Amino acid sequence: MAKYRGQLPQLSGPHSGVMFLTDSGLETDLIFNKGFDLPEFAAFPLLDDEEGRRALSDYYRAHAALARKHGMGFVLESPTWRANPEYGPKVGYEGEKLAAANRAAIALMAEIRDVFETPGSPMVISGQVGPRGDGYQPGALMTADEAEDYHSVQINMFRDSEADMVTALTLNYADEAIGYVRAAGAAGIPAVVAFTVETDGRLPTGQSLGEAITEVDEATNAADGGGPAYYMINCAHPTHFAAVLDGEAPWASRIMGLRPNASKMSHAELDNAEELDDGNPEELAREVVELMRRLGSIKVIGGCCGTDLRHISAISAAIGATTDE
């Protein structure tokens, strides 16, 4: 059923030289720009509401159309960051109802791909996974084995769907990432790990980004073909992590995606903010392009908290201008 599960086009094949966009800050866009109430920051319940489903569809369609316009690929990240065993029950979803919500989210992504994908703009469907705890706080830490058991529940909901891959956004410690990758491997689905960092470029646990990536790769046998398909950084502004990205370090080449925040505020400041800080889309685009120049491995670009279509439009235009140089 999954079109690209055997070969992700952003990694190999005829489209491996194509840049891929993904979406922006779905939840903050829905709350602050569209006026939706999202208890527990969960967007997936909107699938059960006509107005909500239309808002989700419009959001993804606008981003997919942008990728097609610029001749870029697109990663359709399902709105399932909170559709997991920890947060699902808090908003009234568990058991088969939760599984059905995850499947419905992937089905919506497939509908959008059917409309917007072209030979020049391949569109990959990703089942989005979130952390068990707060994305900003490590909280109650799991062992890798506990994390594998926990994440296998949601990942197995994606296993027989059209999801080509899974992406865990806003992970903040290595053991959870290890367990998640092992669960995806057991389900036969390529996995992407997106770590978040604080203003010093380190994970919320204090571990360096390079140490975390190295630890996960070693624990999941990445050298022998296991491990994450690649890594991303999300939910942090480029100024928070640019200084720690060593383009010469082997671990840095494993970072292939960026989903930055619009705001330069810290996680603590964002948690306490009553208004959305949407930053400066053009400035963010310039900073993203500079990071792409420095690393050389970046293939997937999107946004996180505070970003919306304006930011992704500015970034895609800046990438296009750089390509034309």
C-alpha atoms as a PDB file:
ATOM      1  CA  MET A   1       0.000   0.000   0.000  1.00  0.00           C
ATOM      2  CA  ALA A   2       2.842   2.424   0.792  1.00  0.00           C
ATOM      3  CA  LYS A   3       4.185   3.919  -2.419  1.00  0.00           C
ATOM      4  CA  TYR A   4       7.710   4.852  -1.327  1.00  0.00           C
ATOM      5  CA  ARG A   5       8.397   2.736   1.753  1.00  0.00           C
ATOM      6  CA  GLY A   6      11.013   0.678  -0.107  1.00  0.00           C
ATOM      7  CA  GLN A   7      12.889   3.718  -1.433  1.00  0.00           C
ATOM      8  CA  LEU A   8      12.353   7.189  -0.025  1.00  0.00           C
ATOM      9  CA  PRO A   9      12.793   9.600  -2.961  1.00  0.00           C
ATOM     10  CA  GLN A  10      14.461  12.246  -0.807  1.00  0.00           C
ATOM     11  CA  LEU A  11      17.295   9.761  -0.183  1.00  0.00           C
ATOM     12  CA  SER A  12      17.860   7.897  -3.434  1.00  0.00           C
ATOM     13  CA  GLY A  13      16.572   7.364  -6.929  1.00  0.00           C
ATOM     14  CA  PRO A  14      15.810   9.904  -9.651  1.00  0.00           C
ATOM     15  CA  HIS A  15      14.614  12.574  -7.201  1.00  0.00           C
ATOM     16  CA  SER A  16      17.536  12.401  -4.762  1.00  0.00           C
ATOM     17  CA  GLY A  17      18.804  15.747  -6.045  1.00  0.00           C
ATOM     18  CA  VAL A  18      15.445  17.463  -5.543  1.00  0.00           C
ATOM     19  CA  MET A  19      14.744  19.614  -2.491  1.00  0.00           C
ATOM     20  CA  PHE A  20      11.711  18.616  -0.440  1.00  0.00           C
ATOM     21  CA  LEU A  21       9.448  20.934   1.466  1.00  0.00           C
ATOM     22  CA  THR A  22       7.244  19.926   4.349  1.00  0.00           C
ATOM     23  CA  ASP A  23       4.613  21.905   6.222  1.00  0.00           C
ATOM     24  CA  SER A  24       4.903  24.587   8.884  1.00  0.00           C
ATOM     25  CA  GLY A  25       3.663  25.034  12.449  1.00  0.00           C
ATOM     26  CA  LEU A  26       0.300  23.301  12.088  1.00  0.00           C
ATOM     27  CA  GLU A  27      -0.886  23.624  15.670  1.00  0.00           C
ATOM     28  CA  THR A  28       0.166  27.241  16.219  1.00  0.00           C
ATOM     29  CA  ASP A  29      -1.291  28.190  12.836  1.00  0.00           C
ATOM     30  CA  LEU A  30      -4.621  26.568  13.703  1.00  0.00           C
ATOM     31  CA  ILE A  31      -4.769  28.145  17.158  1.00  0.00           C
ATOM     32  CA  PHE A  32      -3.468  31.660  16.562  1.00  0.00           C
ATOM     33  CA  ASN A  33      -4.275  32.255  12.889  1.00  0.00           C
ATOM     34  CA  LYS A  34      -7.380  30.128  12.333  1.00  0.00           C
ATOM     35  CA  GLY A  35      -9.034  30.423  15.755  1.00  0.00           C
ATOM     36  CA  PHE A  36      -9.285  26.727  16.647  1.00  0.00           C
ATOM     37  CA  ASP A  37      -9.124  25.422  20.197  1.00  0.00           C
ATOM     38  CA  LEU A  38      -6.752  22.456  20.402  1.00  0.00           C
ATOM     39  CA  PRO A  39      -6.827  20.810  23.842  1.00  0.00           C
ATOM     40  CA  GLU A  40      -3.469  19.213  24.646  1.00  0.00           C
ATOM     41  CA  PHE A  41      -2.155  20.778  21.396  1.00  0.00           C
ATOM     42  CA  ALA A  42      -3.848  17.921  19.513  1.00  0.00           C
ATOM     43  CA  ALA A  43      -4.856  18.638  15.916  1.00  0.00           C
ATOM     44  CA  PHE A  44      -6.006  15.156  14.931  1.00  0.00           C
ATOM     45  CA  PRO A  45      -9.527  15.404  16.514  1.00  0.00           C
ATOM     46  CA  LEU A  46     -10.338  17.975  13.814  1.00  0.00           C
ATOM     47  CA  LEU A  47     -10.559  15.037  11.394  1.00  0.00           C
ATOM     48  CA  ASP A  48     -13.923  14.163  12.996  1.00  0.00           C
ATOM     49  CA  ASP A  49     -15.373  17.637  12.465  1.00  0.00           C
ATOM     50  CA  GLU A  50     -16.420  18.961   9.049  1.00  0.00           C
ATOM     51  CA  GLU A  51     -15.032  22.455   9.647  1.00  0.00           C
ATOM     52  CA  GLY A  52     -11.860  21.061  11.193  1.00  0.00           C
ATOM     53  CA  ARG A  53     -11.263  18.555   8.420  1.00  0.00           C
ATOM     54  CA  ARG A  54     -11.707  21.293   5.828  1.00  0.00           C
ATOM     55  CA  ALA A  55      -9.177  23.473   7.670  1.00  0.00           C
ATOM     56  CA  LEU A  56      -6.657  20.618   7.766  1.00  0.00           C
ATOM     57  CA  SER A  57      -7.195  19.852   4.094  1.00  0.00           C
ATOM     58  CA  ASP A  58      -6.808  23.510   3.084  1.00  0.00           C
ATOM     59  CA  TYR A  59      -3.623  23.800   5.142  1.00  0.00           C
ATOM     60  CA  TYR A  60      -1.919  20.799   3.551  1.00  0.00           C
ATOM     61  CA  ARG A  61      -3.179  21.608   0.062  1.00  0.00           C
ATOM     62  CA  ALA A  62      -1.677  25.097   0.205  1.00  0.00           C
ATOM     63  CA  HIS A  63       1.717  23.716   1.217  1.00  0.00           C
ATOM     64  CA  ALA A  64       1.613  20.922  -1.375  1.00  0.00           C
ATOM     65  CA  ALA A  65       0.678  23.414  -4.088  1.00  0.00           C
ATOM     66  CA  LEU A  66       3.670  25.545  -3.103  1.00  0.00           C
ATOM     67  CA  ALA A  67       6.032  22.584  -3.477  1.00  0.00           C
ATOM     68  CA  ARG A  68       4.575  21.741  -6.878  1.00  0.00           C
ATOM     69  CA  LYS A  69       4.879  25.369  -7.990  1.00  0.00           C
ATOM     70  CA  HIS A  70       8.597  25.391  -7.212  1.00  0.00           C
ATOM     71  CA  GLY A  71       9.276  21.928  -8.634  1.00  0.00           C
ATOM     72  CA  MET A  72      10.137  20.542  -5.202  1.00  0.00           C
ATOM     73  CA  GLY A  73       9.170  17.321  -3.509  1.00  0.00           C
ATOM     74  CA  PHE A  74       6.939  17.364  -0.466  1.00  0.00           C
ATOM     75  CA  VAL A  75       6.686  15.360   2.762  1.00  0.00           C
ATOM     76  CA  LEU A  76       3.074  15.143   3.928  1.00  0.00           C
ATOM     77  CA  GLU A  77       3.354  14.944   7.719  1.00  0.00           C
ATOM     78  CA  SER A  78       0.089  13.639   9.168  1.00  0.00           C
ATOM     79  CA  PRO A  79      -1.525  15.730  11.948  1.00  0.00           C
ATOM     80  CA  THR A  80      -0.899  12.975  14.498  1.00  0.00           C
ATOM     81  CA  TRP A  81       1.757  14.465  16.782  1.00  0.00           C
ATOM     82  CA  ARG A  82      -0.563  13.897  19.768  1.00  0.00           C
ATOM     83  CA  ALA A  83      -2.419  10.817  18.433  1.00  0.00           C
ATOM     84  CA  ASN A  84      -0.575   8.485  20.784  1.00  0.00           C
ATOM     85  CA  PRO A  85      -1.344   6.356  23.862  1.00  0.00           C
ATOM     86  CA  GLU A  86      -0.298   9.155  26.234  1.00  0.00           C
ATOM     87  CA  TYR A  87      -2.259  12.089  24.836  1.00  0.00           C
ATOM     88  CA  GLY A  88      -5.033  10.379  22.860  1.00  0.00           C
ATOM     89  CA  PRO A  89      -7.030   9.390  25.974  1.00  0.00           C
ATOM     90  CA  LYS A  90      -6.737  12.948  27.309  1.00  0.00           C
ATOM     91  CA  VAL A  91      -8.827  14.159  24.374  1.00  0.00           C
ATOM     92  CA  GLY A  92     -11.170  11.163  24.276  1.00  0.00           C
ATOM     93  CA  TYR A  93      -9.318   8.809  21.919  1.00  0.00           C
ATOM     94  CA  GLU A  94      -8.003   5.387  22.822  1.00  0.00           C
ATOM     95  CA  GLY A  95      -8.059   1.851  21.517  1.00  0.00           C
ATOM     96  CA  GLU A  96      -9.737   1.421  18.132  1.00  0.00           C
ATOM     97  CA  LYS A  97     -10.934   5.028  18.095  1.00  0.00           C
ATOM     98  CA  LEU A  98      -7.335   6.221  18.345  1.00  0.00           C
ATOM     99  CA  ALA A  99      -6.194   3.745  15.690  1.00  0.00           C
ATOM    100  CA  ALA A 100      -8.976   4.911  13.373  1.00  0.00           C
ATOM    101  CA  ALA A 101      -7.894   8.524  13.837  1.00  0.00           C
ATOM    102  CA  ASN A 102      -4.321   7.703  12.848  1.00  0.00           C
ATOM    103  CA  ARG A 103      -5.522   5.811   9.777  1.00  0.00           C
ATOM    104  CA  ALA A 104      -7.867   8.655   8.819  1.00  0.00           C
ATOM    105  CA  ALA A 105      -4.991  11.121   9.019  1.00  0.00           C
ATOM    106  CA  ILE A 106      -2.916   9.039   6.615  1.00  0.00           C
ATOM    107  CA  ALA A 107      -5.920   8.657   4.304  1.00  0.00           C
ATOM    108  CA  LEU A 108      -6.228  12.455   4.140  1.00  0.00           C
ATOM    109  CA  MET A 109      -2.538  12.725   3.232  1.00  0.00           C
ATOM    110  CA  ALA A 110      -3.078  10.164   0.462  1.00  0.00           C
ATOM    111  CA  GLU A 111      -6.031  12.153  -0.907  1.00  0.00           C
ATOM    112  CA  ILE A 112      -3.881  15.264  -1.111  1.00  0.00           C
ATOM    113  CA  ARG A 113      -1.010  13.394  -2.755  1.00  0.00           C
ATOM    114  CA  ASP A 114      -3.383  12.069  -5.392  1.00  0.00           C
ATOM    115  CA  VAL A 115      -4.276  15.644  -6.315  1.00  0.00           C
ATOM    116  CA  PHE A 116      -0.914  17.408  -6.165  1.00  0.00           C
ATOM    117  CA  GLU A 117       1.863  14.914  -6.909  1.00  0.00           C
ATOM    118  CA  THR A 118       3.570  15.233 -10.300  1.00  0.00           C
ATOM    119  CA  PRO A 119       6.588  13.447 -11.816  1.00  0.00           C
ATOM    120  CA  GLY A 120       8.711  16.445 -10.828  1.00  0.00           C
ATOM    121  CA  SER A 121       7.216  16.801  -7.341  1.00  0.00           C
ATOM    122  CA  PRO A 122       7.139  13.440  -5.562  1.00  0.00           C
ATOM    123  CA  MET A 123       5.108  13.482  -2.363  1.00  0.00           C
ATOM    124  CA  VAL A 124       5.982  11.221   0.529  1.00  0.00           C
ATOM    125  CA  ILE A 125       3.500  10.388   3.298  1.00  0.00           C
ATOM    126  CA  SER A 126       4.872  10.396   6.827  1.00  0.00           C
ATOM    127  CA  GLY A 127       3.092   9.218   9.949  1.00  0.00           C
ATOM    128  CA  GLN A 128       3.981  11.887  12.487  1.00  0.00           C
ATOM    129  CA  VAL A 129       4.901  10.738  15.989  1.00  0.00           C
ATOM    130  CA  GLY A 130       5.368  12.934  19.036  1.00  0.00           C
ATOM    131  CA  PRO A 131       7.208  12.520  22.324  1.00  0.00           C
ATOM    132  CA  ARG A 132       5.526  10.742  25.186  1.00  0.00           C
ATOM    133  CA  GLY A 133       5.995  13.763  27.393  1.00  0.00           C
ATOM    134  CA  ASP A 134       6.174  17.498  26.850  1.00  0.00           C
ATOM    135  CA  GLY A 135       8.282  18.282  23.810  1.00  0.00           C
ATOM    136  CA  TYR A 136      10.132  20.981  25.748  1.00  0.00           C
ATOM    137  CA  GLN A 137      10.754  19.038  28.962  1.00  0.00           C
ATOM    138  CA  PRO A 138      12.369  15.577  29.264  1.00  0.00           C
ATOM    139  CA  GLY A 139       9.974  14.805  32.124  1.00  0.00           C
ATOM    140  CA  ALA A 140       9.616  11.138  33.116  1.00  0.00           C
ATOM    141  CA  LEU A 141      12.403   9.498  31.122  1.00  0.00           C
ATOM    142  CA  MET A 142      11.896   6.084  29.575  1.00  0.00           C
ATOM    143  CA  THR A 143      14.530   3.467  28.910  1.00  0.00           C
ATOM    144  CA  ALA A 144      15.056   2.530  25.278  1.00  0.00           C
ATOM    145  CA  ASP A 145      13.101  -0.703  25.842  1.00  0.00           C
ATOM    146  CA  GLU A 146      10.186   1.176  27.416  1.00  0.00           C
ATOM    147  CA  ALA A 147      10.217   3.684  24.558  1.00  0.00           C
ATOM    148  CA  GLU A 148      10.148   0.869  22.004  1.00  0.00           C
ATOM    149  CA  ASP A 149       7.079  -0.665  23.652  1.00  0.00           C
ATOM    150  CA  TYR A 150       5.378   2.715  23.919  1.00  0.00           C
ATOM    151  CA  HIS A 151       5.992   3.956  20.380  1.00  0.00           C
ATOM    152  CA  SER A 152       5.236   0.605  18.780  1.00  0.00           C
ATOM    153  CA  VAL A 153       1.540   1.157  19.555  1.00  0.00           C
ATOM    154  CA  GLN A 154       1.166   4.184  17.273  1.00  0.00           C
ATOM    155  CA  ILE A 155       3.723   3.030  14.714  1.00  0.00           C
ATOM    156  CA  ASN A 156       1.837  -0.235  14.273  1.00  0.00           C
ATOM    157  CA  MET A 157      -1.267   1.820  13.496  1.00  0.00           C
ATOM    158  CA  PHE A 158       0.646   3.193  10.497  1.00  0.00           C
ATOM    159  CA  ARG A 159       2.130  -0.145   9.448  1.00  0.00           C
ATOM    160  CA  ASP A 160      -0.674  -1.270   7.136  1.00  0.00           C
ATOM    161  CA  SER A 161      -1.510   2.222   5.881  1.00  0.00           C
ATOM    162  CA  GLU A 162      -0.148   4.299   2.996  1.00  0.00           C
ATOM    163  CA  ALA A 163       2.477   5.857   5.270  1.00  0.00           C
ATOM    164  CA  ASP A 164       5.847   5.637   3.542  1.00  0.00           C
ATOM    165  CA  MET A 165       7.753   6.531   6.708  1.00  0.00           C
ATOM    166  CA  VAL A 166       7.365   7.853  10.231  1.00  0.00           C
ATOM    167  CA  THR A 167       8.829  11.034  11.685  1.00  0.00           C
ATOM    168  CA  ALA A 168       9.170  11.696  15.409  1.00  0.00           C
ATOM    169  CA  LEU A 169       9.156  15.440  16.023  1.00  0.00           C
ATOM    170  CA  THR A 170      10.409  17.254  19.109  1.00  0.00           C
ATOM    171  CA  LEU A 171      12.224  14.356  20.748  1.00  0.00           C
ATOM    172  CA  ASN A 172      14.419  15.619  23.534  1.00  0.00           C
ATOM    173  CA  TYR A 173      16.518  12.699  24.753  1.00  0.00           C
ATOM    174  CA  ALA A 174      18.382   9.842  23.153  1.00  0.00           C
ATOM    175  CA  ASP A 175      16.773   6.798  24.810  1.00  0.00           C
ATOM    176  CA  GLU A 176      13.319   7.722  23.546  1.00  0.00           C
ATOM    177  CA  ALA A 177      14.728   8.138  20.051  1.00  0.00           C
ATOM    178  CA  ILE A 178      16.435   4.748  20.250  1.00  0.00           C
ATOM    179  CA  GLY A 179      13.249   2.983  21.281  1.00  0.00           C
ATOM    180  CA  TYR A 180      11.212   4.757  18.628  1.00  0.00           C
ATOM    181  CA  VAL A 181      13.678   3.786  15.872  1.00  0.00           C
ATOM    182  CA  ARG A 182      13.678   0.162  17.034  1.00  0.00           C
ATOM    183  CA  ALA A 183       9.860   0.108  17.014  1.00  0.00           C
ATOM    184  CA  ALA A 184       9.799   1.454  13.469  1.00  0.00           C
ATOM    185  CA  GLY A 185      12.384  -1.092  12.391  1.00  0.00           C
ATOM    186  CA  ALA A 186      10.279  -3.912  13.808  1.00  0.00           C
ATOM    187  CA  ALA A 187       7.302  -2.596  11.816  1.00  0.00           C
ATOM    188  CA  GLY A 188       9.357  -2.303   8.636  1.00  0.00           C
ATOM    189  CA  ILE A 189       8.884   1.474   8.297  1.00  0.00           C
ATOM    190  CA  PRO A 190      11.731   3.961   7.689  1.00  0.00           C
ATOM    191  CA  ALA A 191      12.105   6.315  10.644  1.00  0.00           C
ATOM    192  CA  VAL A 192      13.247   9.919  10.918  1.00  0.00           C
ATOM    193  CA  VAL A 193      14.303  11.434  14.244  1.00  0.00           C
ATOM    194  CA  ALA A 194      13.823  15.174  14.804  1.00  0.00           C
ATOM    195  CA  PHE A 195      15.552  16.413  17.943  1.00  0.00           C
ATOM    196  CA  THR A 196      14.732  19.736  19.548  1.00  0.00           C
ATOM    197  CA  VAL A 197      17.403  21.843  21.229  1.00  0.00           C
ATOM    198  CA  GLU A 198      17.599  24.729  23.654  1.00  0.00           C
ATOM    199  CA  THR A 199      19.110  28.146  22.953  1.00  0.00           C
ATOM    200  CA  ASP A 200      22.601  26.703  23.532  1.00  0.00           C
ATOM    201  CA  GLY A 201      22.154  24.087  20.819  1.00  0.00           C
ATOM    202  CA  ARG A 202      22.000  21.215  23.320  1.00  0.00           C
ATOM    203  CA  LEU A 203      19.118  18.848  23.962  1.00  0.00           C
ATOM    204  CA  PRO A 204      16.968  19.732  26.992  1.00  0.00           C
ATOM    205  CA  THR A 205      18.833  17.000  28.925  1.00  0.00           C
ATOM    206  CA  GLY A 206      22.090  18.907  28.380  1.00  0.00           C
ATOM    207  CA  GLN A 207      23.490  16.325  25.956  1.00  0.00           C
ATOM    208  CA  SER A 208      25.098  17.748  22.841  1.00  0.00           C
ATOM    209  CA  LEU A 209      23.372  17.221  19.517  1.00  0.00           C
ATOM    210  CA  GLY A 210      26.361  15.373  18.123  1.00  0.00           C
ATOM    211  CA  GLU A 211      26.525  13.019  21.094  1.00  0.00           C
ATOM    212  CA  ALA A 212      22.791  12.266  20.827  1.00  0.00           C
ATOM    213  CA  ILE A 213      22.951  11.469  17.111  1.00  0.00           C
ATOM    214  CA  THR A 214      26.029   9.297  17.598  1.00  0.00           C
ATOM    215  CA  GLU A 215      24.414   7.452  20.515  1.00  0.00           C
ATOM    216  CA  VAL A 216      21.229   6.712  18.580  1.00  0.00           C
ATOM    217  CA  ASP A 217      23.117   5.581  15.481  1.00  0.00           C
ATOM    218  CA  GLU A 218      25.340   3.244  17.491  1.00  0.00           C
ATOM    219  CA  ALA A 219      22.438   1.782  19.492  1.00  0.00           C
ATOM    220  CA  THR A 220      20.348   1.116  16.368  1.00  0.00           C
ATOM    221  CA  ASN A 221      23.165  -0.280  14.182  1.00  0.00           C
ATOM    222  CA  ALA A 222      23.028   2.535  11.658  1.00  0.00           C
ATOM    223  CA  ALA A 223      26.405   1.511  10.223  1.00  0.00           C
ATOM    224  CA  ASP A 224      24.917  -1.854   9.229  1.00  0.00           C
ATOM    225  CA  GLY A 225      21.824  -0.442   7.553  1.00  0.00           C
ATOM    226  CA  GLY A 226      19.648   0.020  10.631  1.00  0.00           C
ATOM    227  CA  GLY A 227      19.083   3.285  12.433  1.00  0.00           C
ATOM    228  CA  PRO A 228      17.144   6.358  11.372  1.00  0.00           C
ATOM    229  CA  ALA A 229      16.841   7.169   7.684  1.00  0.00           C
ATOM    230  CA  TYR A 230      18.107  10.613   8.690  1.00  0.00           C
ATOM    231  CA  TYR A 231      17.836  13.248  11.401  1.00  0.00           C
ATOM    232  CA  MET A 232      16.142  16.626  11.592  1.00  0.00           C
ATOM    233  CA  ILE A 233      16.207  19.563  13.988  1.00  0.00           C
ATOM    234  CA  ASN A 234      12.847  21.078  14.883  1.00  0.00           C
ATOM    235  CA  CYS A 235      11.199  23.501  17.293  1.00  0.00           C
ATOM    236  CA  ALA A 236      14.223  25.773  17.685  1.00  0.00           C
ATOM    237  CA  HIS A 237      15.331  28.924  15.886  1.00  0.00           C
ATOM    238  CA  PRO A 238      18.420  28.680  13.647  1.00  0.00           C
ATOM    239  CA  THR A 239      20.291  31.079  15.933  1.00  0.00           C
ATOM    240  CA  HIS A 240      19.928  28.490  18.709  1.00  0.00           C
ATOM    241  CA  PHE A 241      21.806  25.722  16.943  1.00  0.00           C
ATOM    242  CA  ALA A 242      23.832  27.197  14.063  1.00  0.00           C
ATOM    243  CA  ALA A 243      26.973  27.469  16.195  1.00  0.00           C
ATOM    244  CA  VAL A 244      27.017  23.741  17.078  1.00  0.00           C
ATOM    245  CA  LEU A 245      26.675  22.450  13.511  1.00  0.00           C
ATOM    246  CA  ASP A 246      30.137  21.280  12.525  1.00  0.00           C
ATOM    247  CA  GLY A 247      30.012  20.554   8.825  1.00  0.00           C
ATOM    248  CA  GLU A 248      33.148  18.433   9.073  1.00  0.00           C
ATOM    249  CA  ALA A 249      31.809  16.098  11.757  1.00  0.00           C
ATOM    250  CA  PRO A 250      30.432  12.736  10.546  1.00  0.00           C
ATOM    251  CA  TRP A 251      27.306  13.113  12.694  1.00  0.00           C
ATOM    252  CA  ALA A 252      26.450  16.438  11.031  1.00  0.00           C
ATOM    253  CA  SER A 253      26.033  14.762   7.648  1.00  0.00           C
ATOM    254  CA  ARG A 254      23.205  12.709   9.169  1.00  0.00           C
ATOM    255  CA  ILE A 255      21.123  15.890   9.598  1.00  0.00           C
ATOM    256  CA  MET A 256      19.032  16.154   6.452  1.00  0.00           C
ATOM    257  CA  GLY A 257      16.059  18.208   7.575  1.00  0.00           C
ATOM    258  CA  LEU A 258      15.191  21.440   9.386  1.00  0.00           C
ATOM    259  CA  ARG A 259      11.884  22.599  10.834  1.00  0.00           C
ATOM    260  CA  PRO A 260      12.804  25.815  12.680  1.00  0.00           C
ATOM    261  CA  ASN A 261      10.640  27.986  14.887  1.00  0.00           C
ATOM    262  CA  ALA A 262       9.760  31.470  13.717  1.00  0.00           C
ATOM    263  CA  SER A 263      10.617  32.913  17.126  1.00  0.00           C
ATOM    264  CA  LYS A 264      14.019  33.362  18.708  1.00  0.00           C
ATOM    265  CA  MET A 265      12.492  32.900  22.162  1.00  0.00           C
ATOM    266  CA  SER A 266      13.497  30.001  24.374  1.00  0.00           C
ATOM    267  CA  HIS A 267      11.181  27.067  25.001  1.00  0.00           C
ATOM    268  CA  ALA A 268      10.374  28.446  28.445  1.00  0.00           C
ATOM    269  CA  GLU A 269       9.489  31.841  26.996  1.00  0.00           C
ATOM    270  CA  LEU A 270       7.326  30.258  24.308  1.00  0.00           C
ATOM    271  CA  ASP A 271       5.481  28.223  26.940  1.00  0.00           C
ATOM    272  CA  ASN A 272       4.569  31.423  28.777  1.00  0.00           C
ATOM    273  CA  ALA A 273       3.799  33.552  25.726  1.00  0.00           C
ATOM    274  CA  GLU A 274       0.186  34.660  25.347  1.00  0.00           C
ATOM    275  CA  GLU A 275       0.645  35.951  21.802  1.00  0.00           C
ATOM    276  CA  LEU A 276       2.197  34.291  18.780  1.00  0.00           C
ATOM    277  CA  ASP A 277       5.684  35.429  17.811  1.00  0.00           C
ATOM    278  CA  ASP A 278       5.806  34.823  14.071  1.00  0.00           C
ATOM    279  CA  GLY A 279       9.244  36.359  13.624  1.00  0.00           C
ATOM    280  CA  ASN A 280      10.391  37.582  10.209  1.00  0.00           C
ATOM    281  CA  PRO A 281       9.768  35.151   7.320  1.00  0.00           C
ATOM    282  CA  GLU A 282      12.408  36.643   5.021  1.00  0.00           C
ATOM    283  CA  GLU A 283      15.049  36.709   7.750  1.00  0.00           C
ATOM    284  CA  LEU A 284      14.263  33.111   8.660  1.00  0.00           C
ATOM    285  CA  ALA A 285      14.577  32.126   4.992  1.00  0.00           C
ATOM    286  CA  ARG A 286      18.040  33.697   4.778  1.00  0.00           C
ATOM    287  CA  GLU A 287      19.155  31.894   7.916  1.00  0.00           C
ATOM    288  CA  VAL A 288      17.874  28.552   6.623  1.00  0.00           C
ATOM    289  CA  VAL A 289      19.660  28.986   3.300  1.00  0.00           C
ATOM    290  CA  GLU A 290      22.887  29.818   5.123  1.00  0.00           C
ATOM    291  CA  LEU A 291      22.569  26.627   7.168  1.00  0.00           C
ATOM    292  CA  MET A 292      22.016  24.680   3.954  1.00  0.00           C
ATOM    293  CA  ARG A 293      25.217  26.143   2.522  1.00  0.00           C
ATOM    294  CA  ARG A 294      27.155  25.193   5.643  1.00  0.00           C
ATOM    295  CA  LEU A 295      25.930  21.637   5.980  1.00  0.00           C
ATOM    296  CA  GLY A 296      25.333  20.511   2.426  1.00  0.00           C
ATOM    297  CA  SER A 297      23.240  17.543   3.592  1.00  0.00           C
ATOM    298  CA  ILE A 298      19.879  19.302   4.038  1.00  0.00           C
ATOM    299  CA  LYS A 299      17.154  17.880   1.801  1.00  0.00           C
ATOM    300  CA  VAL A 300      13.898  18.576   3.697  1.00  0.00           C
ATOM    301  CA  ILE A 301      12.784  22.028   4.859  1.00  0.00           C
ATOM    302  CA  GLY A 302       9.681  23.048   6.778  1.00  0.00           C
ATOM    303  CA  GLY A 303       8.730  25.026   9.841  1.00  0.00           C
ATOM    304  CA  CYS A 304       7.599  24.590  13.426  1.00  0.00           C
ATOM    305  CA  CYS A 305       6.034  26.824  16.072  1.00  0.00           C
ATOM    306  CA  GLY A 306       4.984  30.245  14.813  1.00  0.00           C
ATOM    307  CA  THR A 307       5.594  29.480  11.147  1.00  0.00           C
ATOM    308  CA  ASP A 308       2.907  29.278   8.497  1.00  0.00           C
ATOM    309  CA  LEU A 309       2.634  29.317   4.714  1.00  0.00           C
ATOM    310  CA  ARG A 310       4.308  32.734   4.559  1.00  0.00           C
ATOM    311  CA  HIS A 311       7.501  31.365   6.062  1.00  0.00           C
ATOM    312  CA  ILE A 312       7.591  28.283   3.845  1.00  0.00           C
ATOM    313  CA  SER A 313       6.925  30.502   0.812  1.00  0.00           C
ATOM    314  CA  ALA A 314       9.851  32.748   1.739  1.00  0.00           C
ATOM    315  CA  ILE A 315      12.113  29.752   2.326  1.00  0.00           C
ATOM    316  CA  SER A 316      11.180  28.042  -0.944  1.00  0.00           C
ATOM    317  CA  ALA A 317      11.730  31.287  -2.864  1.00  0.00           C
ATOM    318  CA  ALA A 318      15.114  31.761  -1.206  1.00  0.00           C
ATOM    319  CA  ILE A 319      16.112  28.184  -2.034  1.00  0.00           C
ATOM    320  CA  GLY A 320      15.046  28.742  -5.630  1.00  0.00           C
ATOM    321  CA  ALA A 321      17.079  31.948  -5.846  1.00  0.00           C
ATOM    322  CA  THR A 322      20.120  30.107  -4.498  1.00  0.00           C
ATOM    323  CA  THR A 323      19.673  27.291  -7.023  1.00  0.00           C
ATOM    324  CA  ASP A 324      19.554  29.840  -9.854  1.00  0.00           C
ATOM    325  CA  GLU A 325      22.835  31.471  -8.811  1.00  0.00           C
END
